[in-house]
């Protein structure tokens, strides 16, 4: 766990959730390329979260 006491998985979950909301907003305003980039960023955050959960002793939080 980092010095600030926050679990990195919590941060990754938050980022993933926020990116999903931004993606929905972007899609509603007709920004296909921005929506694509946000989707790619969300996919990356989700994959990192999954990897972090796989490395944790309990398998997930």
Protein backbone atom coordinates (compact mmCIF):
# COMPACT_ATOMS: atom_id res chain seq x y z
CA UNK A 1 0.00 0.00 0.00
CA UNK A 2 1.38 3.45 -0.84
CA UNK A 3 2.45 5.97 1.76
CA UNK A 4 -0.80 7.92 1.55
CA UNK A 5 -2.67 4.86 2.83
CA UNK A 6 -4.83 4.58 -0.29
CA UNK A 7 -5.11 1.26 -2.04
CA UNK A 8 -4.08 1.67 -5.71
CA UNK A 9 -7.06 -0.50 -6.66
CA UNK A 10 -9.39 2.13 -5.21
CA UNK A 11 -7.74 4.78 -7.36
CA UNK A 12 -7.99 2.63 -10.48
CA UNK A 13 -11.66 1.89 -9.81
CA UNK A 14 -12.37 5.60 -9.36
CA UNK A 15 -10.52 6.49 -12.58
CA UNK A 16 -12.36 3.77 -14.49
CA UNK A 17 -15.73 4.98 -13.20
CA UNK A 18 -14.98 8.62 -14.04
CA UNK A 19 -13.79 7.72 -17.53
CA UNK A 20 -17.04 5.85 -18.16
CA UNK A 21 -19.04 8.93 -17.19
CA UNK A 22 -16.88 11.17 -19.37
CA UNK A 23 -17.29 8.74 -22.26
CA UNK A 24 -21.09 8.96 -21.97
CA UNK A 25 -20.95 12.76 -21.91
CA UNK A 26 -18.61 12.85 -24.88
CA UNK A 27 -20.80 10.50 -26.92
CA UNK A 28 -23.81 12.71 -26.25
CA UNK A 29 -22.06 15.75 -27.66
CA UNK A 30 -21.02 14.08 -30.90
CA UNK A 31 -17.33 13.62 -30.23
CA UNK A 32 -16.49 10.20 -31.70
CA UNK A 33 -12.70 10.52 -31.50
CA UNK A 34 -12.76 11.81 -27.92
CA UNK A 35 -15.19 9.03 -27.02
CA UNK A 36 -12.80 6.51 -28.55
CA UNK A 37 -9.84 7.89 -26.56
CA UNK A 38 -11.83 7.84 -23.33
CA UNK A 39 -12.89 4.26 -24.05
CA UNK A 40 -9.27 3.25 -24.60
CA UNK A 41 -8.24 4.93 -21.34
CA UNK A 42 -11.07 3.17 -19.49
CA UNK A 43 -9.99 -0.16 -20.95
CA UNK A 44 -6.42 0.46 -19.78
CA UNK A 45 -7.57 1.39 -16.27
CA UNK A 46 -9.83 -1.68 -16.11
CA UNK A 47 -7.01 -3.98 -17.22
CA UNK A 48 -4.66 -2.53 -14.62
CA UNK A 49 -7.34 -2.95 -11.95
CA UNK A 50 -7.86 -6.57 -12.96
CA UNK A 51 -4.10 -7.19 -12.83
CA UNK A 52 -3.84 -5.54 -9.41
CA UNK A 53 -6.68 -7.71 -8.11
CA UNK A 54 -4.99 -10.83 -9.47
CA UNK A 55 -1.79 -9.90 -7.60
CA UNK A 56 -3.55 -9.24 -4.29
CA UNK A 57 -3.47 -11.99 -1.66
CA UNK A 58 -7.27 -12.31 -1.53
CA UNK A 59 -7.74 -12.01 -5.29
CA UNK A 60 -9.94 -8.95 -4.97
CA UNK A 61 -10.99 -6.24 -2.57
